[in-house]
C-alpha atoms as a PDB file:
ATOM      1  CA  MET A   1      20.011  69.325 119.177  1.00  0.00           C
ATOM      2  CA  LYS A   2      20.169  66.272 116.816  1.00  0.00           C
ATOM      3  CA  LEU A   3      21.952  66.396 113.572  1.00  0.00           C
ATOM      4  CA  LYS A   4      20.356  64.457 110.848  1.00  0.00           C
ATOM      5  CA  ASN A   5      22.416  65.368 107.817  1.00  0.00           C
ATOM      6  CA  PRO A   6      24.994  62.601 107.341  1.00  0.00           C
ATOM      7  CA  MET A   7      27.438  64.986 105.424  1.00  0.00           C
ATOM      8  CA  ILE A   8      27.609  67.334 108.473  1.00  0.00           C
ATOM      9  CA  ILE A   9      28.059  64.483 110.864  1.00  0.00           C
ATOM     10  CA  LYS A  10      30.983  63.139 108.709  1.00  0.00           C
ATOM     11  CA  GLU A  11      32.632  66.567 108.461  1.00  0.00           C
ATOM     12  CA  LEU A  12      32.223  67.152 112.259  1.00  0.00           C
ATOM     13  CA  ARG A  13      33.812  63.803 112.949  1.00  0.00           C
ATOM     14  CA  LYS A  14      36.673  64.567 110.588  1.00  0.00           C
ATOM     15  CA  PHE A  15      37.210  68.065 112.232  1.00  0.00           C
ATOM     16  CA  TYR A  16      37.121  66.454 115.748  1.00  0.00           C
ATOM     17  CA  LEU A  17      39.611  63.712 114.928  1.00  0.00           C
ATOM     18  CA  GLU A  18      41.962  66.177 113.122  1.00  0.00           C
ATOM     19  CA  ASN A  19      41.962  68.623 116.125  1.00  0.00           C
ATOM     20  CA  LYS A  20      42.400  65.838 118.548  1.00  0.00           C
ATOM     21  CA  TRP A  21      45.378  64.528 116.659  1.00  0.00           C
ATOM     22  CA  ASN A  22      46.968  68.052 116.483  1.00  0.00           C
ATOM     23  CA  HIS A  23      46.254  68.668 120.171  1.00  0.00           C
ATOM     24  CA  ASN A  24      48.068  65.400 121.048  1.00  0.00           C
ATOM     25  CA  LYS A  25      51.066  66.388 118.761  1.00  0.00           C
ATOM     26  CA  VAL A  26      51.418  69.771 120.392  1.00  0.00           C
ATOM     27  CA  ARG A  27      51.165  68.302 123.834  1.00  0.00           C
ATOM     28  CA  ASN A  28      53.711  65.653 123.231  1.00  0.00           C
ATOM     29  CA  TYR A  29      56.075  68.196 121.574  1.00  0.00           C
ATOM     30  CA  ARG A  30      55.715  70.519 124.654  1.00  0.00           C
ATOM     31  CA  TYR A  31      56.296  67.571 127.132  1.00  0.00           C
ATOM     32  CA  ASN A  32      59.346  66.188 125.292  1.00  0.00           C
ATOM     33  CA  HIS A  33      61.017  69.254 123.869  1.00  0.00           C
ATOM     34  CA  ILE A  34      60.200  72.350 126.003  1.00  0.00           C
ATOM     35  CA  ARG A  35      59.158  71.391 129.502  1.00  0.00           C
ATOM     36  CA  PRO A  36      62.119  70.624 131.756  1.00  0.00           C
ATOM     37  CA  HIS A  37      61.691  67.732 134.097  1.00  0.00           C
ATOM     38  CA  ARG A  38      62.802  67.832 137.725  1.00  0.00           C
ATOM     39  CA  SER A  39      63.779  64.027 137.730  1.00  0.00           C
ATOM     40  CA  LEU A  40      66.000  64.613 134.730  1.00  0.00           C
ATOM     41  CA  PHE A  41      67.716  67.429 136.563  1.00  0.00           C
ATOM     42  CA  MET A  42      65.884  70.196 134.653  1.00  0.00           C
ATOM     43  CA  LYS A  43      66.507  68.889 131.248  1.00  0.00           C
ATOM     44  CA  THR A  44      64.075  67.896 128.605  1.00  0.00           C
ATOM     45  CA  PRO A  45      63.645  64.256 127.615  1.00  0.00           C
ATOM     46  CA  VAL A  46      64.911  65.029 124.306  1.00  0.00           C
ATOM     47  CA  GLU A  47      68.069  66.616 125.655  1.00  0.00           C
ATOM     48  CA  VAL A  48      68.782  63.454 127.803  1.00  0.00           C
ATOM     49  CA  TYR A  49      68.047  60.998 124.873  1.00  0.00           C
ATOM     50  CA  PHE A  50      70.391  62.834 122.441  1.00  0.00           C
ATOM     51  CA  ASP A  51      73.067  63.399 125.124  1.00  0.00           C
ATOM     52  CA  LEU A  52      72.985  59.684 125.719  1.00  0.00           C
ATOM     53  CA  GLN A  53      73.217  58.840 122.055  1.00  0.00           C
ATOM     54  CA  GLN A  54      76.096  61.226 121.723  1.00  0.00           C
ATOM     55  CA  ARG A  55      77.988  59.538 124.707  1.00  0.00           C
ATOM     56  CA  LEU A  56      77.236  56.248 123.238  1.00  0.00           C
ATOM     57  CA  LYS A  57      78.795  56.995 120.000  1.00  0.00           C
ATOM     58  CA  VAL A  58      81.946  58.371 121.594  1.00  0.00           C
ATOM     59  CA  THR A  59      82.431  55.207 123.823  1.00  0.00           C
ATOM     60  CA  GLU A  60      81.878  52.682 120.975  1.00  0.00           C
ATOM     61  CA  PRO A  61      85.111  50.772 120.016  1.00  0.00           C
ATOM     62  CA  GLN A  62      86.655  52.174 116.792  1.00  0.00           C
ATOM     63  CA  ASP A  63      87.803  48.766 115.621  1.00  0.00           C
ATOM     64  CA  LYS A  64      84.783  46.466 114.916  1.00  0.00           C
ATOM     65  CA  GLN A  65      86.768  43.945 112.731  1.00  0.00           C
ATOM     66  CA  GLY A  66      86.799  41.526 115.783  1.00  0.00           C
ATOM     67  CA  TRP A  67      83.079  40.850 115.398  1.00  0.00           C
END
């Protein structure tokens, strides 16, 4: 089947790109926020990242006037 109407082709491309973008967003969200990783000791990447950020905040020196 060959489409000849340019408006239909344009709409189909737009629909495809939007759905592809949404699919990638959902996949990335699931991978980073929901799915635990064995190499991260069954934590999600987001949990590891924010846990590290919290630990770095706690270990920062309180007096920064020396800089």
